[in-house]
Amino acid sequence: MEISLHPDLQEYVPSFKIGCLQYESIAIDTPPKELKGRIELFQKTVELDLSEQPITYYEGVKEWRQVFKQIGVDPTRYRPSHEALFRRLKQGKGFPSSDSSAIMLNNFFSLYYQMPIGLYDLEQLQGSVEIRTGEETDEYEGLNGRMNHMKGKITNVDQNGAFGSPMVDSKRSGVSSNTKQILQLLYLRPSLSEDDTRTLTNNIGEMFQQVHGGHVETAVLSKQRPRIK
């Protein structure tokens, strides 16, 4: 699949980067007990930190708020998905309930690396994928059941229209226990170096593959490499 980063994003944020991971022949199941235990331990650590600190204690929250501001999006009205997860933990609500190993692990990655991460069923996407700022007609129904109007916001589009963003994934491309191919998009922190983004992207791919099997291909989109096939 061809995936590209539109140059308009770099006009707002020159070091904007996206990690792309394409998985094939995976098997999604209920989370293994060992994985669940590790994530619950991490959750308690975050909750303890947030009992004494504000959400902005985490640099990744501050950084993505700044990205939204640079693009012209109010981060107090439209929150990056990882900040929404941190807020749940601060409020004592825990991670969203899920029997999916893929979703549970994706939420963990999002908090551990302090960035939004999208998870999409590749078989529900058509043609090429582009990450850009949304146009007047770009909209999609989110996993939260709400219509998301994407004009002026960071969004992912295929030939059928918008299907996700750093705020919420879409119902159309949502993963399930039947999903065998996944596109995972890492909305990387712009402050990370090229080397660090490649290492992080590869590490996430390896860990996800350890749990779900199959094969993975990774790449980082940036100003220097705005397109992959």
C-alpha atoms as a PDB file:
ATOM      1  CA  MET A   1       0.000   0.000   0.000  1.00  0.00           C
ATOM      2  CA  GLU A   2       1.216   3.509  -0.828  1.00  0.00           C
ATOM      3  CA  ILE A   3       1.235   5.827   2.199  1.00  0.00           C
ATOM      4  CA  SER A   4       2.200   9.480   1.973  1.00  0.00           C
ATOM      5  CA  LEU A   5       2.597  12.563   4.129  1.00  0.00           C
ATOM      6  CA  HIS A   6       1.221  15.751   2.579  1.00  0.00           C
ATOM      7  CA  PRO A   7       3.699  18.654   2.611  1.00  0.00           C
ATOM      8  CA  ASP A   8       1.134  21.018   4.154  1.00  0.00           C
ATOM      9  CA  LEU A   9       1.762  19.427   7.559  1.00  0.00           C
ATOM     10  CA  GLN A  10       5.446  20.307   7.408  1.00  0.00           C
ATOM     11  CA  GLU A  11       4.526  23.914   6.681  1.00  0.00           C
ATOM     12  CA  TYR A  12       2.955  24.018  10.139  1.00  0.00           C
ATOM     13  CA  VAL A  13       5.339  21.608  11.888  1.00  0.00           C
ATOM     14  CA  PRO A  14       8.634  21.227   9.946  1.00  0.00           C
ATOM     15  CA  SER A  15       9.722  18.110  11.866  1.00  0.00           C
ATOM     16  CA  PHE A  16       6.342  16.335  11.601  1.00  0.00           C
ATOM     17  CA  LYS A  17       6.830  12.555  11.251  1.00  0.00           C
ATOM     18  CA  ILE A  18       4.636   9.454  11.055  1.00  0.00           C
ATOM     19  CA  GLY A  19       5.651   5.894  11.911  1.00  0.00           C
ATOM     20  CA  CYS A  20       4.008   3.348   9.582  1.00  0.00           C
ATOM     21  CA  LEU A  21       3.662  -0.324  10.473  1.00  0.00           C
ATOM     22  CA  GLN A  22       1.902  -2.834   8.234  1.00  0.00           C
ATOM     23  CA  TYR A  23       1.116  -6.227   9.757  1.00  0.00           C
ATOM     24  CA  GLU A  24       0.008  -9.332   7.869  1.00  0.00           C
ATOM     25  CA  SER A  25      -1.244 -12.766   8.990  1.00  0.00           C
ATOM     26  CA  ILE A  26      -1.746 -11.696  12.605  1.00  0.00           C
ATOM     27  CA  ALA A  27      -4.031 -13.325  15.174  1.00  0.00           C
ATOM     28  CA  ILE A  28      -5.927 -11.067  17.605  1.00  0.00           C
ATOM     29  CA  ASP A  29      -7.236 -12.696  20.772  1.00  0.00           C
ATOM     30  CA  THR A  30      -7.990 -11.836  24.380  1.00  0.00           C
ATOM     31  CA  PRO A  31      -4.922 -10.309  26.086  1.00  0.00           C
ATOM     32  CA  PRO A  32      -2.523 -12.899  27.573  1.00  0.00           C
ATOM     33  CA  LYS A  33      -2.410 -12.856  31.400  1.00  0.00           C
ATOM     34  CA  GLU A  34       1.243 -11.823  31.461  1.00  0.00           C
ATOM     35  CA  LEU A  35       0.573  -8.873  29.148  1.00  0.00           C
ATOM     36  CA  LYS A  36      -2.465  -7.850  31.181  1.00  0.00           C
ATOM     37  CA  GLY A  37      -0.434  -7.967  34.374  1.00  0.00           C
ATOM     38  CA  ARG A  38       2.356  -5.796  32.974  1.00  0.00           C
ATOM     39  CA  ILE A  39      -0.074  -3.227  31.618  1.00  0.00           C
ATOM     40  CA  GLU A  40      -1.970  -3.082  34.923  1.00  0.00           C
ATOM     41  CA  LEU A  41       1.318  -2.465  36.751  1.00  0.00           C
ATOM     42  CA  PHE A  42       2.168   0.333  34.318  1.00  0.00           C
ATOM     43  CA  GLN A  43      -1.329   1.774  34.758  1.00  0.00           C
ATOM     44  CA  LYS A  44      -0.882   1.941  38.544  1.00  0.00           C
ATOM     45  CA  THR A  45       2.452   3.725  38.117  1.00  0.00           C
ATOM     46  CA  VAL A  46       0.861   6.343  35.860  1.00  0.00           C
ATOM     47  CA  GLU A  47      -2.095   6.775  38.221  1.00  0.00           C
ATOM     48  CA  LEU A  48       0.314   7.325  41.110  1.00  0.00           C
ATOM     49  CA  ASP A  49       2.226   9.955  39.125  1.00  0.00           C
ATOM     50  CA  LEU A  50      -0.994  11.713  38.145  1.00  0.00           C
ATOM     51  CA  SER A  51      -2.275  11.764  41.720  1.00  0.00           C
ATOM     52  CA  GLU A  52       0.461  14.319  42.407  1.00  0.00           C
ATOM     53  CA  GLN A  53       1.081  15.873  38.984  1.00  0.00           C
ATOM     54  CA  PRO A  54      -0.988  17.548  36.235  1.00  0.00           C
ATOM     55  CA  ILE A  55      -1.476  15.916  32.831  1.00  0.00           C
ATOM     56  CA  THR A  56       1.220  18.212  31.457  1.00  0.00           C
ATOM     57  CA  TYR A  57       3.746  16.415  33.668  1.00  0.00           C
ATOM     58  CA  TYR A  58       4.232  14.294  30.541  1.00  0.00           C
ATOM     59  CA  GLU A  59       6.293  15.969  27.818  1.00  0.00           C
ATOM     60  CA  GLY A  60       4.393  14.102  25.101  1.00  0.00           C
ATOM     61  CA  VAL A  61       1.152  15.771  26.196  1.00  0.00           C
ATOM     62  CA  LYS A  62       2.698  19.243  26.090  1.00  0.00           C
ATOM     63  CA  GLU A  63       4.328  18.541  22.754  1.00  0.00           C
ATOM     64  CA  TRP A  64       1.161  17.360  21.030  1.00  0.00           C
ATOM     65  CA  ARG A  65      -0.841  20.267  22.417  1.00  0.00           C
ATOM     66  CA  GLN A  66       1.722  22.501  20.744  1.00  0.00           C
ATOM     67  CA  VAL A  67       1.391  20.583  17.453  1.00  0.00           C
ATOM     68  CA  PHE A  68      -2.375  21.156  17.486  1.00  0.00           C
ATOM     69  CA  LYS A  69      -1.860  24.865  18.186  1.00  0.00           C
ATOM     70  CA  GLN A  70       0.612  25.193  15.313  1.00  0.00           C
ATOM     71  CA  ILE A  71      -1.901  23.607  12.933  1.00  0.00           C
ATOM     72  CA  GLY A  72      -4.647  25.897  14.218  1.00  0.00           C
ATOM     73  CA  VAL A  73      -6.618  23.389  16.317  1.00  0.00           C
ATOM     74  CA  ASP A  74      -7.638  24.228  19.895  1.00  0.00           C
ATOM     75  CA  PRO A  75      -6.194  21.375  22.051  1.00  0.00           C
ATOM     76  CA  THR A  76      -8.604  22.151  24.889  1.00  0.00           C
ATOM     77  CA  ARG A  77     -11.529  21.455  22.551  1.00  0.00           C
ATOM     78  CA  TYR A  78     -10.029  18.623  20.482  1.00  0.00           C
ATOM     79  CA  ARG A  79      -7.725  16.413  22.534  1.00  0.00           C
ATOM     80  CA  PRO A  80      -5.036  14.088  21.176  1.00  0.00           C
ATOM     81  CA  SER A  81      -6.021  10.493  21.956  1.00  0.00           C
ATOM     82  CA  HIS A  82      -3.094   9.807  24.303  1.00  0.00           C
ATOM     83  CA  GLU A  83      -4.033  12.835  26.410  1.00  0.00           C
ATOM     84  CA  ALA A  84      -7.589  11.496  26.630  1.00  0.00           C
ATOM     85  CA  LEU A  85      -6.146   8.200  27.939  1.00  0.00           C
ATOM     86  CA  PHE A  86      -4.010  10.010  30.517  1.00  0.00           C
ATOM     87  CA  ARG A  87      -7.126  11.899  31.645  1.00  0.00           C
ATOM     88  CA  ARG A  88      -9.017   8.635  32.135  1.00  0.00           C
ATOM     89  CA  LEU A  89      -6.259   7.366  34.392  1.00  0.00           C
ATOM     90  CA  LYS A  90      -6.106  10.614  36.348  1.00  0.00           C
ATOM     91  CA  GLN A  91      -9.866  10.338  36.930  1.00  0.00           C
ATOM     92  CA  GLY A  92      -9.479   6.754  38.141  1.00  0.00           C
ATOM     93  CA  LYS A  93     -11.357   5.262  35.173  1.00  0.00           C
ATOM     94  CA  GLY A  94      -8.483   3.062  33.981  1.00  0.00           C
ATOM     95  CA  PHE A  95      -7.950   1.961  30.407  1.00  0.00           C
ATOM     96  CA  PRO A  96     -11.057   1.587  28.220  1.00  0.00           C
ATOM     97  CA  SER A  97     -12.455  -1.917  28.665  1.00  0.00           C
ATOM     98  CA  SER A  98     -11.394  -4.236  25.834  1.00  0.00           C
ATOM     99  CA  ASP A  99     -11.066  -7.964  25.198  1.00  0.00           C
ATOM    100  CA  SER A 100      -8.747  -7.258  22.256  1.00  0.00           C
ATOM    101  CA  SER A 101      -5.031  -7.881  22.676  1.00  0.00           C
ATOM    102  CA  ALA A 102      -4.370  -5.446  19.806  1.00  0.00           C
ATOM    103  CA  ILE A 103      -6.349  -2.568  21.311  1.00  0.00           C
ATOM    104  CA  MET A 104      -4.989  -3.127  24.815  1.00  0.00           C
ATOM    105  CA  LEU A 105      -1.401  -3.181  23.566  1.00  0.00           C
ATOM    106  CA  ASN A 106      -1.993  -0.144  21.347  1.00  0.00           C
ATOM    107  CA  ASN A 107      -3.304   1.872  24.305  1.00  0.00           C
ATOM    108  CA  PHE A 108      -0.267   0.842  26.330  1.00  0.00           C
ATOM    109  CA  PHE A 109       2.115   1.947  23.558  1.00  0.00           C
ATOM    110  CA  SER A 110       0.294   5.273  23.302  1.00  0.00           C
ATOM    111  CA  LEU A 111       0.847   6.094  26.974  1.00  0.00           C
ATOM    112  CA  TYR A 112       4.304   4.553  27.295  1.00  0.00           C
ATOM    113  CA  TYR A 113       5.634   6.553  24.330  1.00  0.00           C
ATOM    114  CA  GLN A 114       3.366   9.559  25.016  1.00  0.00           C
ATOM    115  CA  MET A 115       1.868   9.960  21.542  1.00  0.00           C
ATOM    116  CA  PRO A 116      -1.349   9.218  19.637  1.00  0.00           C
ATOM    117  CA  ILE A 117      -1.380   5.892  17.782  1.00  0.00           C
ATOM    118  CA  GLY A 118      -3.982   4.782  15.246  1.00  0.00           C
ATOM    119  CA  LEU A 119      -4.891   1.152  14.568  1.00  0.00           C
ATOM    120  CA  TYR A 120      -6.714   0.326  11.323  1.00  0.00           C
ATOM    121  CA  ASP A 121      -7.984  -2.819   9.599  1.00  0.00           C
ATOM    122  CA  LEU A 122      -6.112  -2.800   6.278  1.00  0.00           C
ATOM    123  CA  GLU A 123      -8.829  -4.806   4.530  1.00  0.00           C
ATOM    124  CA  GLN A 124     -11.270  -1.949   5.179  1.00  0.00           C
ATOM    125  CA  LEU A 125      -9.034   0.609   3.451  1.00  0.00           C
ATOM    126  CA  GLN A 126      -9.026   1.194  -0.301  1.00  0.00           C
ATOM    127  CA  GLY A 127      -6.308   2.589  -2.557  1.00  0.00           C
ATOM    128  CA  SER A 128      -3.514   4.746  -1.192  1.00  0.00           C
ATOM    129  CA  VAL A 129      -3.436   6.467   2.205  1.00  0.00           C
ATOM    130  CA  GLU A 130      -2.482  10.083   2.802  1.00  0.00           C
ATOM    131  CA  ILE A 131      -1.976  11.946   6.083  1.00  0.00           C
ATOM    132  CA  ARG A 132      -2.864  15.628   5.672  1.00  0.00           C
ATOM    133  CA  THR A 133      -4.969  18.462   7.038  1.00  0.00           C
ATOM    134  CA  GLY A 134      -8.646  17.844   6.477  1.00  0.00           C
ATOM    135  CA  GLU A 135     -10.763  19.508   3.807  1.00  0.00           C
ATOM    136  CA  GLU A 136     -14.334  20.779   3.993  1.00  0.00           C
ATOM    137  CA  THR A 137     -15.894  17.411   3.118  1.00  0.00           C
ATOM    138  CA  ASP A 138     -13.626  15.211   5.276  1.00  0.00           C
ATOM    139  CA  GLU A 139     -15.592  13.511   8.035  1.00  0.00           C
ATOM    140  CA  TYR A 140     -16.063  10.066   9.575  1.00  0.00           C
ATOM    141  CA  GLU A 141     -17.937   8.269  12.319  1.00  0.00           C
ATOM    142  CA  GLY A 142     -15.548   7.644  15.195  1.00  0.00           C
ATOM    143  CA  LEU A 143     -15.323   4.636  17.476  1.00  0.00           C
ATOM    144  CA  ASN A 144     -17.026   6.901  20.018  1.00  0.00           C
ATOM    145  CA  GLY A 145     -20.121   6.972  17.768  1.00  0.00           C
ATOM    146  CA  ARG A 146     -19.766  10.679  16.981  1.00  0.00           C
ATOM    147  CA  MET A 147     -19.308  12.290  13.589  1.00  0.00           C
ATOM    148  CA  ASN A 148     -15.890  13.889  13.367  1.00  0.00           C
ATOM    149  CA  HIS A 149     -15.603  16.857  11.004  1.00  0.00           C
ATOM    150  CA  MET A 150     -11.966  17.092  10.012  1.00  0.00           C
ATOM    151  CA  LYS A 151     -11.609  20.425   8.223  1.00  0.00           C
ATOM    152  CA  GLY A 152      -8.258  21.938   9.260  1.00  0.00           C
ATOM    153  CA  LYS A 153      -7.343  18.976  11.489  1.00  0.00           C
ATOM    154  CA  ILE A 154      -4.776  16.220  10.954  1.00  0.00           C
ATOM    155  CA  THR A 155      -6.531  13.305   9.286  1.00  0.00           C
ATOM    156  CA  ASN A 156      -5.852  10.101   7.355  1.00  0.00           C
ATOM    157  CA  VAL A 157      -7.695   9.538   4.082  1.00  0.00           C
ATOM    158  CA  ASP A 158      -8.009   6.714   1.563  1.00  0.00           C
ATOM    159  CA  GLN A 159     -10.005   6.676  -1.681  1.00  0.00           C
ATOM    160  CA  ASN A 160     -13.239   6.427   0.335  1.00  0.00           C
ATOM    161  CA  GLY A 161     -12.477   9.460   2.496  1.00  0.00           C
ATOM    162  CA  ALA A 162     -11.272  10.200   6.015  1.00  0.00           C
ATOM    163  CA  PHE A 163     -10.838   7.246   8.370  1.00  0.00           C
ATOM    164  CA  GLY A 164      -8.850   8.389  11.395  1.00  0.00           C
ATOM    165  CA  SER A 165      -6.791  11.042  13.148  1.00  0.00           C
ATOM    166  CA  PRO A 166      -4.628  11.625  16.239  1.00  0.00           C
ATOM    167  CA  MET A 167      -7.901  12.175  18.128  1.00  0.00           C
ATOM    168  CA  VAL A 168     -10.019   9.087  17.436  1.00  0.00           C
ATOM    169  CA  ASP A 169     -10.107   6.125  15.056  1.00  0.00           C
ATOM    170  CA  SER A 170     -13.054   5.438  12.761  1.00  0.00           C
ATOM    171  CA  LYS A 171     -15.744   2.812  12.971  1.00  0.00           C
ATOM    172  CA  ARG A 172     -15.188   1.979   9.281  1.00  0.00           C
ATOM    173  CA  SER A 173     -11.575   0.896   9.778  1.00  0.00           C
ATOM    174  CA  GLY A 174     -11.809  -0.428  13.338  1.00  0.00           C
ATOM    175  CA  VAL A 175     -10.020  -3.687  14.155  1.00  0.00           C
ATOM    176  CA  SER A 176     -11.806  -6.792  15.456  1.00  0.00           C
ATOM    177  CA  SER A 177     -10.962 -10.365  16.418  1.00  0.00           C
ATOM    178  CA  ASN A 178     -11.321 -11.231  12.716  1.00  0.00           C
ATOM    179  CA  THR A 179      -8.723  -8.689  11.562  1.00  0.00           C
ATOM    180  CA  LYS A 180      -5.698 -10.292   9.899  1.00  0.00           C
ATOM    181  CA  GLN A 181      -3.991  -7.223   8.418  1.00  0.00           C
ATOM    182  CA  ILE A 182      -3.379  -3.982  10.289  1.00  0.00           C
ATOM    183  CA  LEU A 183      -2.062  -0.530   9.496  1.00  0.00           C
ATOM    184  CA  GLN A 184      -0.674   1.124  12.617  1.00  0.00           C
ATOM    185  CA  LEU A 185       0.164   4.835  12.404  1.00  0.00           C
ATOM    186  CA  LEU A 186       2.376   6.440  15.046  1.00  0.00           C
ATOM    187  CA  TYR A 187       1.875  10.192  15.326  1.00  0.00           C
ATOM    188  CA  LEU A 188       5.446  10.687  16.448  1.00  0.00           C
ATOM    189  CA  ARG A 189       6.612  13.475  18.723  1.00  0.00           C
ATOM    190  CA  PRO A 190       8.295  16.029  16.422  1.00  0.00           C
ATOM    191  CA  SER A 191      11.169  16.509  18.884  1.00  0.00           C
ATOM    192  CA  LEU A 192      12.404  12.946  18.305  1.00  0.00           C
ATOM    193  CA  SER A 193      15.407  12.510  16.015  1.00  0.00           C
ATOM    194  CA  GLU A 194      15.245  10.434  12.830  1.00  0.00           C
ATOM    195  CA  ASP A 195      17.265   7.666  14.505  1.00  0.00           C
ATOM    196  CA  ASP A 196      15.034   7.653  17.588  1.00  0.00           C
ATOM    197  CA  THR A 197      11.859   7.485  15.509  1.00  0.00           C
ATOM    198  CA  ARG A 198      13.154   4.512  13.536  1.00  0.00           C
ATOM    199  CA  THR A 199      14.199   2.696  16.719  1.00  0.00           C
ATOM    200  CA  LEU A 200      10.866   3.399  18.404  1.00  0.00           C
ATOM    201  CA  THR A 201       8.871   2.303  15.349  1.00  0.00           C
ATOM    202  CA  ASN A 202      10.845  -0.933  15.040  1.00  0.00           C
ATOM    203  CA  ASN A 203      10.495  -1.660  18.769  1.00  0.00           C
ATOM    204  CA  ILE A 204       6.728  -1.263  18.641  1.00  0.00           C
ATOM    205  CA  GLY A 205       6.567  -3.536  15.596  1.00  0.00           C
ATOM    206  CA  GLU A 206       8.604  -6.236  17.325  1.00  0.00           C
ATOM    207  CA  MET A 207       6.528  -6.140  20.521  1.00  0.00           C
ATOM    208  CA  PHE A 208       3.217  -6.160  18.646  1.00  0.00           C
ATOM    209  CA  GLN A 209       4.424  -9.076  16.522  1.00  0.00           C
ATOM    210  CA  GLN A 210       5.527 -11.051  19.593  1.00  0.00           C
ATOM    211  CA  VAL A 211       1.930 -11.017  20.831  1.00  0.00           C
ATOM    212  CA  HIS A 212       0.105 -11.391  17.496  1.00  0.00           C
ATOM    213  CA  GLY A 213       2.508 -13.284  15.222  1.00  0.00           C
ATOM    214  CA  GLY A 214       2.529 -12.665  11.486  1.00  0.00           C
ATOM    215  CA  HIS A 215       4.833 -10.317   9.593  1.00  0.00           C
ATOM    216  CA  VAL A 216       5.522  -6.601   9.931  1.00  0.00           C
ATOM    217  CA  GLU A 217       7.026  -3.911   7.700  1.00  0.00           C
ATOM    218  CA  THR A 218       8.021  -0.570   9.220  1.00  0.00           C
ATOM    219  CA  ALA A 219       8.908   2.865   7.859  1.00  0.00           C
ATOM    220  CA  VAL A 220       9.002   6.488   9.004  1.00  0.00           C
ATOM    221  CA  LEU A 221       7.484   9.248   6.879  1.00  0.00           C
ATOM    222  CA  SER A 222       9.182  12.630   7.149  1.00  0.00           C
ATOM    223  CA  LYS A 223      10.116  15.662   5.085  1.00  0.00           C
ATOM    224  CA  GLN A 224      13.061  13.659   3.726  1.00  0.00           C
ATOM    225  CA  ARG A 225      10.905  10.614   2.938  1.00  0.00           C
ATOM    226  CA  PRO A 226       7.277  11.666   2.462  1.00  0.00           C
ATOM    227  CA  ARG A 227       6.083   8.531   0.628  1.00  0.00           C
ATOM    228  CA  ILE A 228       6.389   4.737   0.822  1.00  0.00           C
ATOM    229  CA  LYS A 229       4.988   1.956  -1.372  1.00  0.00           C
END
